[in-house]
């Protein structure tokens, strides 16, 4: 194996020609500001991976991070992955061969930048992932949601589609790509703090056949995936599909999906809120979240009312009982004024 100081020296020398290295080995990418963006270190098309092209006070050029997978490394890793090399000696020989090219073909990086790659799982990585995605209409996300009976899709700008989102197995097996529904997690001021990924089957017929098809990243506590702008009344639940299912019956009511029972219990209240409908899941975790949220709401002077499904959750109600039956089941659970304001208008 190459001595550590030799590898570090090679990586440093390659960093001096970071853009030239990227143009040569990551030819499917392009320069965007102070970064080279490409799908991954194997030169796939896309924008998930960011290679720093210019030095900053916190690090040298040539360092890269894949915002979708959390992978990171230097330009020696780029050479290894893009060429499919296994033996590090071959990687070093290729790097030396590249550096031996005429200097006129290797424009150097000389100026400085304060831009840094996003750290794994950070809000910045979440922002980049959302930015790489596109609206859901006409995509596999729409297919997936409609397959679950969710057809009320106006006002779902917080949901996006990524055709090749990286998935790293829990057992550290090989990274793969799958289409994914990307949900923006925002605070009460609509600032993006995180993202939630639901990996999908290639035809959108369901979730991808992976161990953990749902994962979140970024700053989640107190925040949520939001649908509509809350005023004096809103509803909050755990899962995205459960919340969207209730929204099919109450399309004009603002709603928020906190992504888990624990996060539902800690969701922050908009300052204009007077009444909160708690979307309950019929399980012990759902009951615990309901009780904690009701207690917090009462302390804040907010009226909290539980909406309970007939089955395990409201998506089960929507798919198995139908929209009309679901409307009927929640009608008596709504305050009279809200019944006329939201339910009658939706019918």
Foldseek 3Di string as FASTA:
>chain_A
DDDPVLVVVLLQVCLQLQVLLCCVLQVLWDDDVQWTAAQDLLNHHFGQKTFGNFAEPVGTGQWMARLQEQDIDGSLSSQCNNVVHDDSVVSSVVSVVVVPPPVVSRDGHDDHDNDDYDGHLALVSQVVVVVRWAQPPPHLQCVLLVLLVQDLCPQQPQKTKDAWGWDAAPVRPDIGTAIWIKGFKAALVRHGFWIKIAGADNNSNYGDPGDDRIDIGGDQAQIFRKGDRAAAEAEEEADPSLFSLVCLQFVHHIYTHSNFLVRLLRHDDHPRYAEYEYFAFPDPSRVVSLVSNCVVCVVVNHHYFYFYDPDRGSSCCCVPVNNVVRLVSCLVRDDPVCSVVGRVVSD
